[in-house]
Amino acid sequence: MLGLAAGFERRLGTVLAVNPTDMKAMEHLIQAGSLSPTELAGRLGITTAAATLVVDRLVEVGHVDRRPHPHDRRRVVVVPRPASVGRAMDELMPMIGGVARAAEALSPRERATVLRFLGQVREVYREASDGPVA
C-alpha cells in the first residue's frame, strides 16, 4: 500500500512538473492554505534556506505566490495558486471517489472491522515513530 501511495505521489509530481521535495511542499500548502517559509521548512524538515529555494522553484513554475503576511508586514506567506490546486484535485478526486465507493460497498460490520484494524496499524506506526533510534 505504501508503495502504491508513493507511486501516486510521483505521478502527481510529474503532472505538476515538480521534484519530490517540492511535491511535499505543495501537499502542505494545499492542506494549510498558506504557510510562512519558516513553517514550511519545519514541516518539510529542511533548513529555512532550503525552503526558500523550494519556494523560489514553486513560484518560478507558477504553483505558488508569495504574499504579505496578514498580521506582520515584515513577513511573507506562501499561498498555492488556485489553478495548481485544481490540477492536483483533478488527479486526486478519482482516487478519493474510488476509495469512497469501496468503503460504501462494505457492510457496517465490515467497515467497523476495517476501522478497528486501521486504528491498530496507526498505533503501531505511532509507537514505531516515537521509539528510540537504533
N, C-alpha and C. Protein backbone atom coordinates (compact mmCIF):
# COMPACT_ATOMS: atom_id res chain seq x y z
N MET A 1 0.81 -1.18 0.00
CA MET A 1 0.00 0.00 0.00
C MET A 1 0.87 1.27 0.00
N LEU A 2 1.93 1.22 0.83
CA LEU A 2 2.82 2.38 0.88
C LEU A 2 3.49 2.62 -0.47
N GLY A 3 3.85 1.54 -1.16
CA GLY A 3 4.45 1.67 -2.48
C GLY A 3 3.49 2.28 -3.49
N LEU A 4 2.22 1.88 -3.40
CA LEU A 4 1.21 2.45 -4.29
C LEU A 4 1.01 3.94 -4.01
N ALA A 5 0.99 4.30 -2.73
CA ALA A 5 0.84 5.71 -2.37
C ALA A 5 2.03 6.52 -2.88
N ALA A 6 3.23 5.97 -2.73
CA ALA A 6 4.43 6.65 -3.23
C ALA A 6 4.38 6.79 -4.75
N GLY A 7 3.90 5.76 -5.42
CA GLY A 7 3.78 5.82 -6.87
C GLY A 7 2.80 6.89 -7.31
N PHE A 8 1.67 7.00 -6.60
CA PHE A 8 0.70 8.04 -6.94
C PHE A 8 1.30 9.42 -6.70
N GLU A 9 2.04 9.55 -5.60
CA GLU A 9 2.68 10.84 -5.31
C GLU A 9 3.68 11.21 -6.40
N ARG A 10 4.42 10.23 -6.90
CA ARG A 10 5.36 10.50 -8.01
C ARG A 10 4.59 10.94 -9.25
N ARG A 11 3.47 10.28 -9.52
CA ARG A 11 2.67 10.65 -10.69
C ARG A 11 2.15 12.08 -10.55
N LEU A 12 1.66 12.42 -9.36
CA LEU A 12 1.17 13.77 -9.14
C LEU A 12 2.30 14.79 -9.30
N GLY A 13 3.48 14.44 -8.82
CA GLY A 13 4.64 15.31 -9.02
C GLY A 13 4.96 15.50 -10.49
N THR A 14 4.82 14.43 -11.27
CA THR A 14 5.05 14.52 -12.71
C THR A 14 4.02 15.42 -13.36
N VAL A 15 2.75 15.27 -12.98
CA VAL A 15 1.69 16.11 -13.54
C VAL A 15 1.95 17.58 -13.23
N LEU A 16 2.40 17.86 -12.01
CA LEU A 16 2.67 19.24 -11.62
C LEU A 16 4.07 19.71 -12.00
N ALA A 17 4.87 18.80 -12.56
CA ALA A 17 6.24 19.11 -13.00
C ALA A 17 7.11 19.62 -11.86
N VAL A 18 7.07 18.89 -10.72
CA VAL A 18 7.89 19.25 -9.57
C VAL A 18 8.63 18.02 -9.05
N ASN A 19 9.74 18.28 -8.34
CA ASN A 19 10.50 17.18 -7.75
C ASN A 19 9.82 16.72 -6.45
N PRO A 20 10.27 15.62 -5.85
CA PRO A 20 9.59 15.10 -4.65
C PRO A 20 9.53 16.08 -3.48
N THR A 21 10.58 16.84 -3.23
CA THR A 21 10.55 17.81 -2.13
C THR A 21 9.53 18.90 -2.40
N ASP A 22 9.51 19.39 -3.63
CA ASP A 22 8.56 20.44 -3.99
C ASP A 22 7.13 19.90 -3.95
N MET A 23 6.95 18.61 -4.29
CA MET A 23 5.63 17.99 -4.21
C MET A 23 5.16 17.95 -2.76
N LYS A 24 6.05 17.57 -1.85
CA LYS A 24 5.70 17.56 -0.42
C LYS A 24 5.31 18.96 0.04
N ALA A 25 6.06 19.96 -0.43
CA ALA A 25 5.74 21.35 -0.07
C ALA A 25 4.35 21.71 -0.57
N MET A 26 4.04 21.33 -1.80
CA MET A 26 2.70 21.60 -2.35
C MET A 26 1.62 20.92 -1.51
N GLU A 27 1.86 19.69 -1.09
CA GLU A 27 0.88 18.99 -0.25
C GLU A 27 0.60 19.78 1.02
N HIS A 28 1.66 20.24 1.68
CA HIS A 28 1.48 21.01 2.91
C HIS A 28 0.75 22.32 2.64
N LEU A 29 1.11 22.99 1.56
CA LEU A 29 0.48 24.27 1.23
C LEU A 29 -0.99 24.09 0.86
N ILE A 30 -1.30 23.05 0.12
CA ILE A 30 -2.69 22.79 -0.25
C ILE A 30 -3.51 22.49 1.00
N GLN A 31 -2.96 21.70 1.90
CA GLN A 31 -3.69 21.37 3.13
C GLN A 31 -3.85 22.57 4.05
N ALA A 32 -2.81 23.38 4.18
CA ALA A 32 -2.83 24.51 5.11
C ALA A 32 -3.47 25.76 4.51
N GLY A 33 -3.41 25.91 3.20
CA GLY A 33 -3.89 27.12 2.56
C GLY A 33 -2.80 28.15 2.38
N SER A 34 -2.01 28.37 3.42
CA SER A 34 -0.84 29.24 3.33
C SER A 34 0.07 28.91 4.51
N LEU A 35 1.35 29.10 4.30
CA LEU A 35 2.36 28.90 5.34
C LEU A 35 3.47 29.91 5.14
N SER A 36 4.11 30.27 6.23
CA SER A 36 5.32 31.08 6.09
C SER A 36 6.44 30.16 5.61
N PRO A 37 7.48 30.70 5.01
CA PRO A 37 8.61 29.84 4.62
C PRO A 37 9.21 29.09 5.81
N THR A 38 9.22 29.71 6.99
CA THR A 38 9.75 29.04 8.18
C THR A 38 8.86 27.87 8.58
N GLU A 39 7.54 28.06 8.54
CA GLU A 39 6.61 26.96 8.85
C GLU A 39 6.77 25.83 7.85
N LEU A 40 6.92 26.19 6.58
CA LEU A 40 7.10 25.18 5.54
C LEU A 40 8.39 24.40 5.78
N ALA A 41 9.46 25.09 6.13
CA ALA A 41 10.74 24.42 6.42
C ALA A 41 10.56 23.42 7.55
N GLY A 42 9.85 23.81 8.60
CA GLY A 42 9.61 22.91 9.73
C GLY A 42 8.83 21.68 9.34
N ARG A 43 7.82 21.86 8.52
CA ARG A 43 7.01 20.72 8.10
C ARG A 43 7.78 19.77 7.19
N LEU A 44 8.68 20.33 6.40
CA LEU A 44 9.47 19.51 5.48
C LEU A 44 10.73 18.94 6.13
N GLY A 45 11.09 19.47 7.29
CA GLY A 45 12.31 19.01 7.95
C GLY A 45 13.57 19.47 7.23
N ILE A 46 13.52 20.69 6.68
CA ILE A 46 14.66 21.25 5.96
C ILE A 46 15.00 22.61 6.56
N THR A 47 16.14 23.16 6.19
CA THR A 47 16.52 24.48 6.67
C THR A 47 15.66 25.56 6.02
N THR A 48 15.65 26.73 6.63
CA THR A 48 14.90 27.83 6.02
C THR A 48 15.52 28.24 4.69
N ALA A 49 16.83 28.12 4.56
CA ALA A 49 17.48 28.43 3.28
C ALA A 49 17.01 27.47 2.20
N ALA A 50 16.92 26.19 2.54
CA ALA A 50 16.44 25.20 1.56
C ALA A 50 14.97 25.46 1.24
N ALA A 51 14.19 25.85 2.24
CA ALA A 51 12.77 26.15 1.99
C ALA A 51 12.63 27.34 1.04
N THR A 52 13.52 28.31 1.17
CA THR A 52 13.49 29.45 0.26
C THR A 52 13.72 28.99 -1.18
N LEU A 53 14.63 28.06 -1.37
CA LEU A 53 14.87 27.52 -2.72
C LEU A 53 13.65 26.77 -3.23
N VAL A 54 12.99 26.00 -2.36
CA VAL A 54 11.77 25.28 -2.75
C VAL A 54 10.72 26.29 -3.19
N VAL A 55 10.51 27.32 -2.39
CA VAL A 55 9.50 28.34 -2.73
C VAL A 55 9.88 29.05 -4.02
N ASP A 56 11.15 29.37 -4.19
CA ASP A 56 11.60 30.01 -5.44
C ASP A 56 11.22 29.15 -6.65
N ARG A 57 11.47 27.85 -6.55
CA ARG A 57 11.14 26.95 -7.68
C ARG A 57 9.63 26.91 -7.92
N LEU A 58 8.86 26.84 -6.85
CA LEU A 58 7.40 26.76 -7.00
C LEU A 58 6.82 28.06 -7.56
N VAL A 59 7.40 29.19 -7.18
CA VAL A 59 6.99 30.48 -7.75
C VAL A 59 7.33 30.50 -9.23
N GLU A 60 8.54 30.05 -9.56
CA GLU A 60 9.01 30.08 -10.95
C GLU A 60 8.12 29.27 -11.89
N VAL A 61 7.62 28.12 -11.42
CA VAL A 61 6.77 27.29 -12.29
C VAL A 61 5.29 27.65 -12.16
N GLY A 62 4.98 28.66 -11.34
CA GLY A 62 3.62 29.17 -11.27
C GLY A 62 2.68 28.44 -10.33
N HIS A 63 3.20 27.70 -9.37
CA HIS A 63 2.33 26.96 -8.45
C HIS A 63 1.97 27.73 -7.19
N VAL A 64 2.80 28.70 -6.80
CA VAL A 64 2.54 29.45 -5.57
C VAL A 64 2.86 30.92 -5.77
N ASP A 65 2.35 31.72 -4.84
CA ASP A 65 2.68 33.14 -4.77
C ASP A 65 3.18 33.45 -3.38
N ARG A 66 4.09 34.41 -3.30
CA ARG A 66 4.47 34.98 -2.01
C ARG A 66 3.57 36.19 -1.79
N ARG A 67 2.99 36.27 -0.59
CA ARG A 67 2.12 37.41 -0.26
C ARG A 67 2.52 37.97 1.10
N PRO A 68 2.20 39.23 1.34
CA PRO A 68 2.48 39.78 2.66
C PRO A 68 1.71 39.01 3.74
N HIS A 69 2.34 38.81 4.87
CA HIS A 69 1.68 38.16 6.00
C HIS A 69 0.51 39.04 6.43
N PRO A 70 -0.64 38.45 6.74
CA PRO A 70 -1.81 39.28 7.06
C PRO A 70 -1.67 40.11 8.34
N HIS A 71 -0.78 39.71 9.26
CA HIS A 71 -0.68 40.42 10.54
C HIS A 71 0.71 40.99 10.82
N ASP A 72 1.68 40.65 9.99
CA ASP A 72 3.07 41.09 10.24
C ASP A 72 3.68 41.50 8.90
N ARG A 73 3.78 42.81 8.68
CA ARG A 73 4.24 43.31 7.38
C ARG A 73 5.67 42.92 7.06
N ARG A 74 6.44 42.49 8.07
CA ARG A 74 7.83 42.11 7.83
C ARG A 74 7.94 40.71 7.25
N ARG A 75 6.88 39.93 7.33
CA ARG A 75 6.92 38.53 6.92
C ARG A 75 6.10 38.31 5.65
N VAL A 76 6.32 37.16 5.04
CA VAL A 76 5.51 36.75 3.89
C VAL A 76 4.91 35.38 4.18
N VAL A 77 3.86 35.07 3.42
CA VAL A 77 3.30 33.73 3.44
C VAL A 77 3.34 33.20 2.01
N VAL A 78 3.37 31.91 1.90
CA VAL A 78 3.37 31.24 0.59
C VAL A 78 1.98 30.65 0.42
N VAL A 79 1.36 30.97 -0.71
CA VAL A 79 -0.02 30.56 -0.97
C VAL A 79 -0.08 29.80 -2.29
N PRO A 80 -0.70 28.61 -2.30
CA PRO A 80 -0.82 27.88 -3.56
C PRO A 80 -1.79 28.59 -4.50
N ARG A 81 -1.47 28.59 -5.77
CA ARG A 81 -2.36 29.20 -6.76
C ARG A 81 -3.56 28.27 -7.02
N PRO A 82 -4.74 28.84 -7.18
CA PRO A 82 -5.94 28.02 -7.40
C PRO A 82 -5.82 27.06 -8.58
N ALA A 83 -5.18 27.49 -9.66
CA ALA A 83 -5.06 26.60 -10.83
C ALA A 83 -4.25 25.36 -10.48
N SER A 84 -3.21 25.52 -9.68
CA SER A 84 -2.38 24.36 -9.29
C SER A 84 -3.13 23.46 -8.33
N VAL A 85 -3.88 24.06 -7.40
CA VAL A 85 -4.71 23.25 -6.50
C VAL A 85 -5.73 22.47 -7.34
N GLY A 86 -6.31 23.12 -8.32
CA GLY A 86 -7.28 22.45 -9.20
C GLY A 86 -6.67 21.29 -9.96
N ARG A 87 -5.45 21.47 -10.47
CA ARG A 87 -4.79 20.37 -11.19
C ARG A 87 -4.54 19.20 -10.26
N ALA A 88 -4.11 19.49 -9.03
CA ALA A 88 -3.88 18.41 -8.06
C ALA A 88 -5.19 17.71 -7.74
N MET A 89 -6.25 18.48 -7.54
CA MET A 89 -7.55 17.88 -7.21
C MET A 89 -8.10 17.06 -8.37
N ASP A 90 -7.85 17.50 -9.59
CA ASP A 90 -8.28 16.72 -10.76
C ASP A 90 -7.68 15.32 -10.73
N GLU A 91 -6.46 15.20 -10.23
CA GLU A 91 -5.81 13.89 -10.12
C GLU A 91 -6.30 13.12 -8.89
N LEU A 92 -6.51 13.84 -7.80
CA LEU A 92 -6.88 13.19 -6.54
C LEU A 92 -8.33 12.71 -6.49
N MET A 93 -9.25 13.48 -7.06
CA MET A 93 -10.67 13.18 -6.88
C MET A 93 -11.09 11.81 -7.41
N PRO A 94 -10.61 11.35 -8.56
CA PRO A 94 -11.00 10.00 -8.98
C PRO A 94 -10.55 8.93 -7.98
N MET A 95 -9.36 9.09 -7.41
CA MET A 95 -8.88 8.12 -6.43
C MET A 95 -9.71 8.21 -5.16
N ILE A 96 -9.98 9.41 -4.69
CA ILE A 96 -10.79 9.59 -3.49
C ILE A 96 -12.18 9.00 -3.70
N GLY A 97 -12.75 9.24 -4.87
CA GLY A 97 -14.06 8.67 -5.18
C GLY A 97 -14.04 7.16 -5.19
N GLY A 98 -12.98 6.58 -5.73
CA GLY A 98 -12.86 5.12 -5.75
C GLY A 98 -12.77 4.53 -4.36
N VAL A 99 -12.01 5.18 -3.49
CA VAL A 99 -11.90 4.71 -2.11
C VAL A 99 -13.25 4.84 -1.41
N ALA A 100 -13.95 5.94 -1.65
CA ALA A 100 -15.27 6.13 -1.04
C ALA A 100 -16.24 5.05 -1.51
N ARG A 101 -16.21 4.72 -2.79
CA ARG A 101 -17.10 3.66 -3.30
C ARG A 101 -16.75 2.31 -2.68
N ALA A 102 -15.46 2.04 -2.51
CA ALA A 102 -15.05 0.78 -1.88
C ALA A 102 -15.56 0.73 -0.44
N ALA A 103 -15.49 1.84 0.28
CA ALA A 103 -15.98 1.88 1.66
C ALA A 103 -17.50 1.72 1.72
N GLU A 104 -18.19 2.34 0.77
CA GLU A 104 -19.65 2.23 0.74
C GLU A 104 -20.12 0.82 0.44
N ALA A 105 -19.30 0.04 -0.25
CA ALA A 105 -19.67 -1.33 -0.60
C ALA A 105 -19.57 -2.28 0.60
N LEU A 106 -18.92 -1.83 1.67
CA LEU A 106 -18.78 -2.67 2.86
C LEU A 106 -20.03 -2.60 3.72
N SER A 107 -20.31 -3.69 4.39
CA SER A 107 -21.40 -3.68 5.37
C SER A 107 -20.95 -2.88 6.59
N PRO A 108 -21.87 -2.43 7.42
CA PRO A 108 -21.47 -1.71 8.64
C PRO A 108 -20.50 -2.53 9.50
N ARG A 109 -20.71 -3.82 9.58
CA ARG A 109 -19.82 -4.67 10.38
C ARG A 109 -18.42 -4.73 9.75
N GLU A 110 -18.37 -4.87 8.42
CA GLU A 110 -17.07 -4.89 7.73
C GLU A 110 -16.34 -3.56 7.92
N ARG A 111 -17.09 -2.45 7.80
CA ARG A 111 -16.49 -1.13 8.00
C ARG A 111 -15.90 -1.00 9.40
N ALA A 112 -16.64 -1.48 10.39
CA ALA A 112 -16.15 -1.42 11.77
C ALA A 112 -14.86 -2.21 11.93
N THR A 113 -14.80 -3.37 11.28
CA THR A 113 -13.58 -4.20 11.34
C THR A 113 -12.41 -3.48 10.69
N VAL A 114 -12.64 -2.90 9.53
CA VAL A 114 -11.58 -2.18 8.82
C VAL A 114 -11.10 -0.99 9.65
N LEU A 115 -12.03 -0.24 10.22
CA LEU A 115 -11.66 0.92 11.04
C LEU A 115 -10.86 0.51 12.27
N ARG A 116 -11.26 -0.59 12.89
CA ARG A 116 -10.52 -1.08 14.05
C ARG A 116 -9.09 -1.48 13.64
N PHE A 117 -8.98 -2.21 12.54
CA PHE A 117 -7.67 -2.63 12.03
C PHE A 117 -6.79 -1.42 11.72
N LEU A 118 -7.34 -0.44 11.00
CA LEU A 118 -6.55 0.73 10.63
C LEU A 118 -6.14 1.53 11.87
N GLY A 119 -7.00 1.58 12.86
CA GLY A 119 -6.63 2.24 14.12
C GLY A 119 -5.47 1.54 14.79
N GLN A 120 -5.47 0.22 14.77
CA GLN A 120 -4.36 -0.54 15.35
C GLN A 120 -3.07 -0.32 14.56
N VAL A 121 -3.17 -0.29 13.25
CA VAL A 121 -1.99 -0.04 12.41
C VAL A 121 -1.45 1.37 12.69
N ARG A 122 -2.34 2.35 12.82
CA ARG A 122 -1.91 3.71 13.13
C ARG A 122 -1.13 3.74 14.44
N GLU A 123 -1.59 3.00 15.44
CA GLU A 123 -0.88 2.95 16.72
C GLU A 123 0.50 2.31 16.58
N VAL A 124 0.60 1.27 15.76
CA VAL A 124 1.90 0.64 15.51
C VAL A 124 2.85 1.66 14.90
N TYR A 125 2.38 2.41 13.91
CA TYR A 125 3.21 3.44 13.28
C TYR A 125 3.60 4.51 14.29
N ARG A 126 2.63 4.94 15.10
CA ARG A 126 2.90 5.99 16.09
C ARG A 126 3.98 5.53 17.07
N GLU A 127 3.84 4.31 17.57
CA GLU A 127 4.82 3.77 18.52
C GLU A 127 6.20 3.63 17.87
N ALA A 128 6.22 3.17 16.62
CA ALA A 128 7.50 2.99 15.92
C ALA A 128 8.17 4.34 15.67
N SER A 129 7.39 5.37 15.37
CA SER A 129 7.99 6.67 15.08
C SER A 129 8.41 7.40 16.35
N ASP A 130 7.81 7.06 17.49
CA ASP A 130 8.17 7.70 18.76
C ASP A 130 9.27 6.96 19.51
N GLY A 131 9.59 5.76 19.06
CA GLY A 131 10.57 4.94 19.77
C GLY A 131 12.00 5.41 19.55
N PRO A 132 12.93 4.82 20.31
CA PRO A 132 14.34 5.20 20.16
C PRO A 132 14.90 4.75 18.81
N VAL A 133 15.84 5.53 18.31
CA VAL A 133 16.51 5.21 17.05
C VAL A 133 17.68 4.29 17.35
N ALA A 134 17.78 3.19 16.61
CA ALA A 134 18.86 2.22 16.85
C ALA A 134 20.16 2.68 16.26
